[in-house]
Amino acid sequence: MRKNDKNSYRQFLYRTVLCICLLLGIAGGFLIFGCTGTAKVTDSDEDKLYVEGNYEYKVNEGAEGRKYAQITKYLGNELNVVVPDMLGGYPVYEVMLFTMNQADEERLARIESIVFPKTMINLHGMACMWFENLTSVTIPEGTRCIGGNAFSRCFALKQITIPASVTYISGNISDNNEIEYSVQSGSYADKYLTEAGKKVIRTGTAIPVVDLSIAGQKEYEKTVEVKSPEDNRKACIEASLIPSNASNHRIKWTVDNPEVIDFKEEEGLNNFGSKMYFDVKKGGKATAVAIAEDGEYTAKCLISAKMNIACQEITLSGESYVYDGKEKKPEVAVENLTEGEDYLVEYSNNTKVGTATVTIRGLGFNTGSVSKSFQIIPKKVETEKEPPAATVPDTGGKRTDTEGSQQTKVQVKKPSAFKVKNSKKRKVQITWKKVKGANGYELYRSTKKNGKYVKIKTIKKPNTVKFTDSKLKKKKQYYYKIRAYKILNGRKYYSPFTGKKGVKIRK
């Protein structure tokens, strides 16, 4: 290939890759770059980059709560690179050496050998792409994921040893079809690369899986309890292959009740390894099943999740009512929970002027109780009746004569063009039009059109006019409604609810 043609091709590929990354976002990162290890990056850490020695890196928090370093760029000029096990005092779990900057192209192309850190879990997609003089790589045992195109355009590279610990390969490791892959006979890499038509050299004797267990049992019972909002909602289950030195380490996990535990297989937290991480959403029971790829042996974990109801977001439909001699019963919404099934509501002192109380008591695996108060005010400060009524405009926080009146009617228009659509796998996309003067929106969901609706999201940005509800059950019908709210003088005023919109999960 001529030099000009080669440069043109590279420029085309750079632009193509950048466009794909921008279009696919996080999902694209998973598909192109491979699994994301056990990353859970907080907003404050997401864009913070550090430099130590020849490496640019950032700090992530793993599913197990421990922080680790993710290398994002190699800055050095060494021909023989030994990637460190630690950066900034944190173990290096993820490695990406390639950069999108064409100015780095010649420097990176000179690298001849790379020894990856013993701590590495994830070798990112395109990690060493276009390292044209690369002839030797050492991938340590313990590596679980290798991303797509990790060694593409590495035409001097003739052999790669893939450790038996690898349980996930995303796409094509390299477009160099002359590479020979040395693998443990019977391993996941052996099966994957053979099916992909690659040149495979098998070592050792295949050791088949003969069974699978969790804590030494085929059906293990695990209780997880979240007692306070400060408690960690994340838990872990670990499965063991029998024998432990079986060649194929790949294990798939499934969960039968996503309403109780939040299992993020698609976000890189559970990439076919022995450990499964999940978050407790509410009290209840769920079953997690581990399935060994070799032999399809299974083991179950029967999870009993207990959660204090104080750990959930609880809101009342109203905070203030005008006295009229009748009982006041604001609607109670508890995040993730359904009244009558997960909790009961009791009202007290809710007729006379003063402070009234709502007590929410958990049922079954939803434990504890929470008390919320609301006000019953004298008729002379009535806020919802008596003409003349005036709409409170959006005045940018400036006081108006209308706001100074004791008899003010605050009108908040309900959202229009409310639509729901099953857009992706087990997800519903919800859209509506912005309500002028509103401060935010509250979205509710039910499995019955005229049943009890549970608030699933409070949107605090008035310009946000869409939301994606995820982890829904396939072939199940869901109904949604939404209302806008405005905050004036510390008090919330609500619009009427929109009509109820239903959608069946088909994807």
Protein backbone atom coordinates (compact mmCIF):
# COMPACT_ATOMS: atom_id res chain seq x y z
CA MET A 1 0.00 0.00 0.00
CA ARG A 2 1.40 3.43 -0.92
CA LYS A 3 2.08 5.92 1.85
CA ASN A 4 -0.61 8.38 0.68
CA ASP A 5 -3.15 5.57 0.43
CA LYS A 6 -2.14 4.36 3.87
CA ASN A 7 -2.57 7.81 5.43
CA SER A 8 -5.93 8.29 3.70
CA TYR A 9 -7.11 4.95 5.03
CA ARG A 10 -6.00 5.84 8.54
CA GLN A 11 -7.76 9.19 8.42
CA PHE A 12 -10.92 7.45 7.22
CA LEU A 13 -10.70 4.90 10.04
CA TYR A 14 -10.07 7.57 12.68
CA ARG A 15 -13.16 9.48 11.58
CA THR A 16 -15.25 6.32 11.38
CA VAL A 17 -14.27 5.16 14.86
CA LEU A 18 -14.89 8.58 16.35
CA CYS A 19 -18.34 8.77 14.75
CA ILE A 20 -19.26 5.31 16.00
CA CYS A 21 -18.15 6.21 19.53
CA LEU A 22 -20.15 9.42 19.49
CA LEU A 23 -23.26 7.72 18.11
CA LEU A 24 -23.22 4.70 20.37
CA GLY A 25 -21.97 6.39 23.54
CA ILE A 26 -21.76 4.12 26.54
CA ALA A 27 -23.33 1.17 24.74
CA GLY A 28 -20.80 1.57 21.98
CA GLY A 29 -18.01 1.60 24.52
CA PHE A 30 -19.15 -1.80 25.71
CA LEU A 31 -19.56 -3.28 22.23
CA ILE A 32 -16.40 -1.86 20.69
CA PHE A 33 -14.08 -1.68 23.66
CA GLY A 34 -15.22 -4.83 25.41
CA CYS A 35 -16.51 -5.10 28.93
CA THR A 36 -15.94 -2.20 31.27
CA GLY A 37 -14.53 -4.30 34.09
CA THR A 38 -16.53 -3.41 37.16
CA ALA A 39 -16.63 0.33 36.61
CA LYS A 40 -18.99 2.62 38.45
CA VAL A 41 -17.69 6.13 37.81
CA THR A 42 -19.17 8.95 39.85
CA ASP A 43 -19.94 12.29 38.21
CA SER A 44 -17.12 13.96 40.14
CA ASP A 45 -14.50 11.43 38.96
CA GLU A 46 -15.78 10.87 35.44
CA ASP A 47 -13.63 13.49 33.67
CA LYS A 48 -10.73 13.73 36.10
CA LEU A 49 -7.50 12.48 34.53
CA TYR A 50 -4.14 11.97 36.24
CA VAL A 51 -0.61 11.47 34.92
CA GLU A 52 2.05 9.30 36.54
CA GLY A 53 5.22 8.37 34.71
CA ASN A 54 4.34 7.46 31.13
CA TYR A 55 0.63 6.90 31.77
CA GLU A 56 -2.54 8.95 31.77
CA TYR A 57 -5.24 7.34 33.90
CA LYS A 58 -8.45 7.89 35.82
CA VAL A 59 -9.78 6.38 39.03
CA ASN A 60 -12.97 4.31 39.00
CA GLU A 61 -14.91 2.58 41.73
CA GLY A 62 -15.55 -1.11 41.23
CA ALA A 63 -18.77 -2.97 41.89
CA GLU A 64 -17.22 -4.32 45.08
CA GLY A 65 -16.61 -0.76 46.30
CA ARG A 66 -12.84 -0.71 45.82
CA LYS A 67 -11.18 1.97 43.69
CA TYR A 68 -8.88 1.09 40.82
CA ALA A 69 -6.92 2.77 38.03
CA GLN A 70 -7.96 2.72 34.38
CA ILE A 71 -5.15 3.60 31.97
CA THR A 72 -6.49 5.84 29.21
CA LYS A 73 -3.30 6.65 27.28
CA TYR A 74 0.39 5.74 26.98
CA LEU A 75 2.64 8.82 26.89
CA GLY A 76 6.14 7.31 26.77
CA ASN A 77 8.73 6.53 24.11
CA GLU A 78 9.91 3.09 25.28
CA LEU A 79 10.24 0.31 22.73
CA ASN A 80 9.71 -2.38 25.37
CA VAL A 81 6.81 -1.38 27.59
CA VAL A 82 6.13 -2.92 31.01
CA VAL A 83 2.81 -1.56 32.26
CA PRO A 84 2.85 -1.00 36.07
CA ASP A 85 0.54 -2.90 38.42
CA MET A 86 -0.24 0.26 40.44
CA LEU A 87 -0.88 3.91 39.59
CA GLY A 88 -1.68 6.55 42.17
CA GLY A 89 -1.76 3.84 44.81
CA TYR A 90 -4.54 1.95 43.00
CA PRO A 91 -4.33 -1.41 41.19
CA VAL A 92 -4.52 -1.17 37.41
CA TYR A 93 -7.59 -3.12 36.27
CA GLU A 94 -8.15 -1.63 32.80
CA VAL A 95 -5.64 -0.80 30.08
CA MET A 96 -5.91 1.38 26.95
CA LEU A 97 -2.61 2.49 25.35
CA PHE A 98 -3.76 3.67 21.91
CA THR A 99 -4.80 7.31 21.39
CA MET A 100 -7.01 8.96 18.78
CA ASN A 101 -4.38 11.66 18.25
CA GLN A 102 -2.60 11.16 14.92
CA ALA A 103 0.41 13.04 16.31
CA ASP A 104 1.06 10.00 18.55
CA GLU A 105 0.92 7.54 15.66
CA GLU A 106 4.64 7.22 14.88
CA ARG A 107 5.62 7.10 18.56
CA LEU A 108 3.22 4.24 19.32
CA ALA A 109 4.05 2.40 16.09
CA ARG A 110 7.66 1.96 17.32
CA ILE A 111 6.68 -0.15 20.36
CA GLU A 112 8.06 -3.70 20.02
CA SER A 113 6.85 -5.51 23.15
CA ILE A 114 4.29 -5.03 25.93
CA VAL A 115 3.97 -6.78 29.28
CA PHE A 116 0.55 -6.01 30.72
CA PRO A 117 0.09 -5.64 34.52
CA LYS A 118 -0.58 -8.72 36.65
CA THR A 119 -3.59 -6.87 38.07
CA MET A 120 -5.28 -6.36 34.68
CA ILE A 121 -8.90 -7.48 34.33
CA ASN A 122 -9.89 -5.73 31.12
CA LEU A 123 -7.81 -5.07 28.00
CA HIS A 124 -9.84 -2.44 26.18
CA GLY A 125 -10.84 -2.61 22.56
CA MET A 126 -8.30 -0.86 20.27
CA ALA A 127 -5.87 -0.93 23.22
CA CYS A 128 -2.87 -1.48 20.94
CA MET A 129 -4.30 -0.75 17.51
CA TRP A 130 -1.77 0.26 14.84
CA PHE A 131 1.28 -0.71 16.90
CA GLU A 132 2.97 -1.76 13.65
CA ASN A 133 6.28 -2.97 15.11
CA LEU A 134 4.73 -4.90 17.99
CA THR A 135 6.06 -8.47 18.03
CA SER A 136 5.45 -9.65 21.60
CA VAL A 137 2.63 -9.25 24.15
CA THR A 138 2.17 -10.84 27.58
CA ILE A 139 -1.42 -11.02 28.85
CA PRO A 140 -1.53 -12.19 32.49
CA GLU A 141 -3.64 -14.95 33.99
CA GLY A 142 -6.54 -13.22 35.73
CA THR A 143 -7.50 -11.13 32.70
CA ARG A 144 -11.23 -11.59 32.08
CA CYS A 145 -12.05 -9.40 29.08
CA ILE A 146 -10.40 -8.58 25.76
CA GLY A 147 -12.05 -5.90 23.66
CA GLY A 148 -12.60 -5.83 19.93
CA ASN A 149 -9.70 -4.73 17.69
CA ALA A 150 -7.32 -4.77 20.66
CA PHE A 151 -4.46 -5.67 18.27
CA SER A 152 -5.84 -4.61 14.88
CA ARG A 153 -3.29 -3.38 12.30
CA CYS A 154 -0.50 -5.08 14.30
CA PHE A 155 0.93 -6.93 11.29
CA ALA A 156 4.31 -7.73 12.87
CA LEU A 157 2.59 -9.64 15.67
CA LYS A 158 2.62 -13.39 15.02
CA GLN A 159 1.52 -15.00 18.29
CA ILE A 160 -0.69 -14.16 21.30
CA THR A 161 -1.23 -16.34 24.37
CA ILE A 162 -4.77 -15.99 25.75
CA PRO A 163 -5.02 -17.06 29.42
CA ALA A 164 -7.74 -19.49 30.50
CA SER A 165 -9.14 -16.82 32.83
CA VAL A 166 -10.56 -14.87 29.86
CA THR A 167 -14.36 -15.28 29.78
CA TYR A 168 -15.33 -12.50 27.37
CA ILE A 169 -13.94 -11.52 23.96
CA SER A 170 -15.68 -8.70 22.11
CA GLY A 171 -15.66 -9.15 18.35
CA ASN A 172 -12.40 -9.55 16.44
CA ILE A 173 -9.19 -9.28 18.46
CA SER A 174 -7.18 -8.44 15.34
CA ASP A 175 -7.55 -8.15 11.58
CA ASN A 176 -4.12 -9.79 11.24
CA ASN A 177 -5.17 -13.28 10.20
CA GLU A 178 -1.59 -14.57 10.48
CA ILE A 179 -1.63 -14.39 14.27
CA GLU A 180 -1.57 -17.75 16.06
CA TYR A 181 -3.48 -17.84 19.33
CA SER A 182 -2.09 -20.10 22.04
CA VAL A 183 -4.92 -21.21 24.34
CA GLN A 184 -5.66 -23.70 27.09
CA SER A 185 -7.36 -26.68 25.47
CA GLY A 186 -11.10 -26.60 26.21
CA SER A 187 -11.09 -22.99 27.44
CA TYR A 188 -13.58 -20.28 26.48
CA ALA A 189 -10.90 -18.68 24.26
CA ASP A 190 -10.36 -22.04 22.54
CA LYS A 191 -14.06 -22.31 21.70
CA TYR A 192 -14.51 -18.65 20.73
CA LEU A 193 -11.44 -18.32 18.50
CA THR A 194 -11.98 -21.70 16.85
CA GLU A 195 -15.55 -20.74 15.95
CA ALA A 196 -14.21 -17.40 14.63
CA GLY A 197 -11.91 -19.27 12.22
CA LYS A 198 -8.66 -18.13 13.85
CA LYS A 199 -5.38 -20.07 13.97
CA VAL A 200 -5.46 -21.81 17.34
CA ILE A 201 -2.65 -23.67 19.10
CA ARG A 202 -3.96 -25.71 22.03
CA THR A 203 -1.84 -26.43 25.10
CA GLY A 204 -2.44 -28.86 27.94
CA THR A 205 -5.36 -31.24 28.31
CA ALA A 206 -8.95 -30.06 28.40
CA ILE A 207 -10.40 -30.39 31.89
CA PRO A 208 -14.20 -30.46 31.66
CA VAL A 209 -16.60 -28.92 34.15
CA VAL A 210 -18.50 -31.64 36.04
CA ASP A 211 -20.64 -29.42 38.26
CA LEU A 212 -21.21 -25.94 39.65
CA SER A 213 -22.03 -24.72 43.16
CA ILE A 214 -22.60 -21.58 45.20
CA ALA A 215 -21.01 -21.70 48.66
CA GLY A 216 -20.70 -25.46 48.19
CA GLN A 217 -24.42 -25.94 47.54
CA LYS A 218 -26.63 -26.42 44.49
CA GLU A 219 -29.30 -24.22 46.08
CA TYR A 220 -27.82 -21.63 48.39
CA GLU A 221 -29.92 -19.27 50.50
CA LYS A 222 -28.64 -15.74 51.00
CA THR A 223 -30.18 -12.94 53.05
CA VAL A 224 -29.29 -9.33 52.28
CA GLU A 225 -30.51 -6.60 54.63
CA VAL A 226 -30.44 -2.84 54.08
CA LYS A 227 -31.25 -1.22 57.42
CA SER A 228 -30.64 2.46 56.73
CA PRO A 229 -30.14 4.85 53.78
CA GLU A 230 -26.41 4.88 54.57
CA ASP A 231 -26.05 1.12 54.09
CA ASN A 232 -24.53 -0.24 50.89
CA ARG A 233 -27.25 -1.72 48.68
CA LYS A 234 -24.78 -3.74 46.64
CA ALA A 235 -24.20 -7.44 47.27
CA CYS A 236 -22.21 -10.22 45.63
CA ILE A 237 -22.73 -13.92 44.91
CA GLU A 238 -19.87 -16.17 43.85
CA ALA A 239 -20.15 -19.49 42.03
CA SER A 240 -17.47 -22.18 41.97
CA LEU A 241 -16.68 -24.54 39.12
CA ILE A 242 -16.07 -28.18 39.90
CA PRO A 243 -13.23 -28.91 39.52
CA SER A 244 -11.73 -25.51 40.27
CA ASN A 245 -9.09 -25.97 37.56
CA ALA A 246 -11.62 -26.66 34.80
CA SER A 247 -10.52 -25.26 31.46
CA ASN A 248 -13.61 -23.17 30.61
CA HIS A 249 -14.20 -20.50 33.28
CA ARG A 250 -17.19 -18.85 31.62
CA ILE A 251 -20.37 -18.57 33.74
CA LYS A 252 -23.58 -16.83 32.74
CA TRP A 253 -25.95 -15.32 35.33
CA THR A 254 -29.70 -14.79 35.17
CA VAL A 255 -32.17 -13.25 37.64
CA ASP A 256 -35.92 -13.88 37.81
CA ASN A 257 -37.15 -10.81 39.71
CA PRO A 258 -35.62 -7.49 38.58
CA GLU A 259 -38.14 -5.59 40.72
CA VAL A 260 -36.32 -6.83 43.85
CA ILE A 261 -32.68 -6.84 42.74
CA ASP A 262 -31.04 -4.73 40.04
CA PHE A 263 -28.75 -6.92 37.94
CA LYS A 264 -26.70 -4.99 35.35
CA GLU A 265 -25.36 -7.61 32.99
CA GLU A 266 -25.29 -5.11 30.12
CA GLU A 267 -23.16 -2.53 31.95
CA GLY A 268 -20.04 -4.59 32.42
CA LEU A 269 -20.59 -5.51 36.07
CA ASN A 270 -21.15 -9.22 35.43
CA ASN A 271 -19.10 -10.33 32.47
CA PHE A 272 -19.48 -14.09 32.57
CA GLY A 273 -17.19 -14.52 35.57
CA SER A 274 -17.64 -16.35 38.85
CA LYS A 275 -18.99 -13.28 40.68
CA MET A 276 -22.36 -11.61 40.25
CA TYR A 277 -22.96 -8.12 41.65
CA PHE A 278 -26.43 -6.68 42.22
CA ASP A 279 -28.22 -3.81 43.97
CA VAL A 280 -31.19 -4.32 46.28
CA LYS A 281 -34.16 -2.25 45.01
CA LYS A 282 -36.82 -3.37 47.52
CA GLY A 283 -37.62 -6.09 50.01
CA GLY A 284 -38.65 -9.41 48.50
CA LYS A 285 -37.41 -12.67 47.07
CA ALA A 286 -35.45 -13.36 43.90
CA THR A 287 -33.52 -16.26 42.43
CA ALA A 288 -30.15 -15.91 40.75
CA VAL A 289 -28.99 -18.78 38.55
CA ALA A 290 -25.37 -19.45 37.55
CA ILE A 291 -24.89 -21.48 34.35
CA ALA A 292 -21.53 -22.96 33.38
CA GLU A 293 -20.92 -22.69 29.65
CA ASP A 294 -19.15 -26.04 29.65
CA GLY A 295 -21.85 -28.64 30.27
CA GLU A 296 -24.51 -26.06 31.19
CA TYR A 297 -24.43 -27.10 34.85
CA THR A 298 -26.44 -24.80 37.11
CA ALA A 299 -26.52 -23.60 40.69
CA LYS A 300 -29.13 -21.36 42.30
CA CYS A 301 -29.01 -18.67 44.94
CA LEU A 302 -32.33 -17.99 46.68
CA ILE A 303 -32.09 -14.34 47.71
CA SER A 304 -34.16 -12.89 50.54
CA ALA A 305 -33.77 -9.11 50.44
CA LYS A 306 -34.89 -7.07 53.43
CA MET A 307 -35.03 -3.30 53.22
CA ASN A 308 -36.12 -0.66 55.69
CA ILE A 309 -38.77 1.50 54.05
CA ALA A 310 -36.80 4.56 55.21
CA CYS A 311 -34.28 3.73 52.46
CA GLN A 312 -36.83 4.53 49.75
CA GLU A 313 -37.84 7.96 48.46
CA ILE A 314 -41.28 8.81 49.87
CA THR A 315 -43.39 11.73 48.63
CA LEU A 316 -46.86 13.08 49.36
CA SER A 317 -49.16 14.46 46.66
CA GLY A 318 -49.74 17.56 48.76
CA GLU A 319 -48.06 19.35 51.63
CA SER A 320 -50.80 21.82 52.58
CA TYR A 321 -54.61 21.68 52.64
CA VAL A 322 -57.32 24.20 53.54
CA TYR A 323 -59.52 23.28 56.49
CA ASP A 324 -63.06 22.28 55.53
CA GLY A 325 -63.97 19.86 58.32
CA LYS A 326 -63.20 16.77 56.21
CA GLU A 327 -60.35 14.27 56.45
CA LYS A 328 -57.32 15.08 54.31
CA LYS A 329 -55.50 12.13 52.80
CA PRO A 330 -52.67 13.09 50.45
CA GLU A 331 -51.61 10.32 48.10
CA VAL A 332 -48.42 8.54 49.17
CA ALA A 333 -45.85 7.38 46.61
CA VAL A 334 -42.92 5.19 47.67
CA GLU A 335 -40.12 4.59 45.17
CA ASN A 336 -40.10 1.01 43.81
CA LEU A 337 -43.00 -0.06 46.08
CA THR A 338 -46.73 -0.70 45.67
CA GLU A 339 -49.27 0.24 48.34
CA GLY A 340 -51.11 -2.74 49.79
CA GLU A 341 -48.41 -5.14 48.67
CA ASP A 342 -45.27 -3.56 50.08
CA TYR A 343 -46.59 -1.02 52.59
CA LEU A 344 -49.67 0.32 54.40
CA VAL A 345 -50.63 3.95 54.98
CA GLU A 346 -52.23 5.35 58.16
CA TYR A 347 -53.39 8.95 58.73
CA SER A 348 -53.76 10.76 62.05
CA ASN A 349 -54.80 14.29 63.14
CA ASN A 350 -55.86 14.87 59.55
CA THR A 351 -59.14 16.76 60.03
CA LYS A 352 -58.49 19.80 62.21
CA VAL A 353 -56.21 22.78 61.59
CA GLY A 354 -52.60 21.97 62.46
CA THR A 355 -49.99 19.37 61.62
CA ALA A 356 -51.30 16.07 60.30
CA THR A 357 -49.30 12.86 60.08
CA VAL A 358 -49.03 10.04 57.56
CA THR A 359 -47.37 6.84 58.77
CA ILE A 360 -46.05 4.45 56.14
CA ARG A 361 -45.47 0.93 57.47
CA GLY A 362 -43.54 -1.66 55.51
CA LEU A 363 -45.01 -5.08 54.76
CA GLY A 364 -43.22 -8.41 54.52
CA PHE A 365 -39.60 -7.98 53.53
CA ASN A 366 -40.04 -4.19 53.51
CA THR A 367 -39.46 -3.37 57.15
CA GLY A 368 -39.76 -0.37 59.46
CA SER A 369 -41.97 2.69 59.27
CA VAL A 370 -41.69 6.35 58.30
CA SER A 371 -43.82 9.32 59.36
CA LYS A 372 -44.41 12.31 57.08
CA SER A 373 -46.32 15.46 58.01
CA PHE A 374 -48.51 17.92 56.13
CA GLN A 375 -50.38 21.06 57.14
CA ILE A 376 -54.08 21.82 57.43
CA ILE A 377 -54.38 25.61 57.35
CA PRO A 378 -57.23 27.95 58.30
CA LYS A 379 -59.72 28.88 55.63
CA LYS A 380 -58.61 32.52 55.62
CA VAL A 381 -55.31 31.53 53.94
CA GLU A 382 -57.03 29.35 51.39
CA THR A 383 -54.79 28.89 48.37
CA GLU A 384 -56.90 26.89 45.99
CA LYS A 385 -60.30 28.70 46.02
CA GLU A 386 -62.02 32.07 45.92
CA PRO A 387 -61.85 34.40 42.93
CA PRO A 388 -60.28 36.49 41.69
CA ALA A 389 -57.78 33.84 40.58
CA ALA A 390 -54.49 34.74 38.99
CA THR A 391 -51.94 32.61 37.26
CA VAL A 392 -48.45 32.92 38.68
CA PRO A 393 -46.18 33.61 35.69
CA ASP A 394 -42.55 32.68 35.41
CA THR A 395 -41.01 35.96 36.61
CA GLY A 396 -37.44 34.80 37.05
CA GLY A 397 -37.77 34.82 40.85
CA LYS A 398 -39.11 38.41 41.09
CA ARG A 399 -41.98 39.13 43.46
CA THR A 400 -45.30 40.14 41.89
CA ASP A 401 -48.47 41.64 43.33
CA THR A 402 -50.15 38.33 42.71
CA GLU A 403 -47.60 36.55 44.90
CA GLY A 404 -48.24 38.99 47.73
CA SER A 405 -51.95 38.17 47.83
CA GLN A 406 -53.33 35.74 50.38
CA GLN A 407 -55.74 34.40 47.79
CA THR A 408 -53.50 33.12 44.98
CA LYS A 409 -54.39 30.39 42.57
CA VAL A 410 -51.29 28.76 41.11
CA GLN A 411 -52.05 27.14 37.78
CA VAL A 412 -49.60 24.61 36.37
CA LYS A 413 -50.44 23.21 32.97
CA LYS A 414 -50.20 19.47 32.53
CA PRO A 415 -47.61 18.18 30.04
CA SER A 416 -48.84 17.71 26.48
CA ALA A 417 -47.82 15.30 23.70
CA PHE A 418 -47.23 12.57 26.29
CA LYS A 419 -45.99 9.40 24.52
CA VAL A 420 -44.58 6.02 25.54
CA LYS A 421 -42.76 3.54 23.28
CA ASN A 422 -40.98 0.21 23.72
CA SER A 423 -37.80 1.41 22.00
CA LYS A 424 -35.16 -1.13 23.02
CA LYS A 425 -34.78 -4.41 24.88
CA ARG A 426 -36.91 -4.24 28.05
CA LYS A 427 -36.92 -0.43 27.92
CA VAL A 428 -39.65 2.18 27.46
CA GLN A 429 -38.91 5.65 26.10
CA ILE A 430 -41.21 8.33 27.52
CA THR A 431 -41.49 11.81 25.99
CA TRP A 432 -43.57 14.96 26.52
CA LYS A 433 -43.52 18.67 25.76
CA LYS A 434 -41.95 21.21 28.09
CA VAL A 435 -44.38 23.01 30.41
CA LYS A 436 -43.66 26.72 30.57
CA GLY A 437 -43.03 27.92 34.12
CA ALA A 438 -42.70 24.42 35.59
CA ASN A 439 -39.75 23.48 37.79
CA GLY A 440 -39.90 19.77 37.05
CA TYR A 441 -41.96 16.66 36.49
CA GLU A 442 -43.04 13.51 38.35
CA LEU A 443 -43.47 10.25 36.45
CA TYR A 444 -45.66 7.39 37.70
CA ARG A 445 -46.03 3.76 36.57
CA SER A 446 -48.47 0.90 37.09
CA THR A 447 -49.02 -2.60 35.71
CA LYS A 448 -52.79 -1.99 35.63
CA LYS A 449 -54.44 0.94 33.88
CA ASN A 450 -56.71 1.73 36.82
CA GLY A 451 -54.45 0.26 39.48
CA LYS A 452 -52.11 1.86 41.98
CA TYR A 453 -49.47 4.09 40.32
CA VAL A 454 -45.99 4.30 41.86
CA LYS A 455 -43.70 7.26 41.32
CA ILE A 456 -40.60 6.05 39.49
CA LYS A 457 -38.83 9.32 38.76
CA THR A 458 -38.71 12.96 39.86
CA ILE A 459 -37.19 15.10 37.12
CA LYS A 460 -35.81 18.33 38.57
CA LYS A 461 -34.75 20.00 35.32
CA PRO A 462 -37.64 21.73 33.49
CA ASN A 463 -35.95 21.39 30.10
CA THR A 464 -35.75 17.59 30.37
CA VAL A 465 -38.60 16.17 28.29
CA LYS A 466 -37.72 12.49 28.00
CA PHE A 467 -36.93 9.54 30.25
CA THR A 468 -36.06 5.88 29.64
CA ASP A 469 -37.55 3.31 32.00
CA SER A 470 -35.39 0.17 31.97
CA LYS A 471 -35.15 -3.40 33.29
CA LEU A 472 -38.80 -4.11 32.57
CA LYS A 473 -40.32 -7.56 32.10
CA LYS A 474 -40.80 -8.87 28.59
CA LYS A 475 -44.41 -9.47 27.43
CA LYS A 476 -45.74 -7.40 30.34
CA GLN A 477 -48.01 -4.35 30.02
CA TYR A 478 -47.05 -1.08 31.73
CA TYR A 479 -49.00 2.16 32.12
CA TYR A 480 -47.60 5.64 32.72
CA LYS A 481 -48.81 9.11 33.66
CA ILE A 482 -46.94 12.33 34.36
CA ARG A 483 -47.54 15.69 35.98
CA ALA A 484 -45.60 18.93 36.17
CA TYR A 485 -44.88 20.90 39.32
CA LYS A 486 -43.92 24.45 40.22
CA ILE A 487 -42.25 25.59 43.43
CA LEU A 488 -43.41 28.95 44.78
CA ASN A 489 -42.38 30.35 48.16
CA GLY A 490 -41.13 26.91 49.19
CA ARG A 491 -44.42 25.19 48.33
CA LYS A 492 -45.01 22.70 45.52
CA TYR A 493 -47.97 23.15 43.19
CA TYR A 494 -48.92 20.33 40.81
CA SER A 495 -50.58 20.18 37.43
CA PRO A 496 -53.31 17.62 36.75
CA PHE A 497 -52.01 14.24 35.60
CA THR A 498 -51.88 13.48 31.90
CA GLY A 499 -53.97 10.68 30.51
CA LYS A 500 -52.67 7.18 31.14
CA LYS A 501 -50.56 5.69 28.36
CA GLY A 502 -49.93 1.95 28.07
CA VAL A 503 -47.23 -0.06 26.33
CA LYS A 504 -46.44 -3.77 26.08
CA ILE A 505 -42.81 -4.87 26.28
CA ARG A 506 -42.19 -6.80 23.06
CA LYS A 507 -38.45 -6.18 22.56
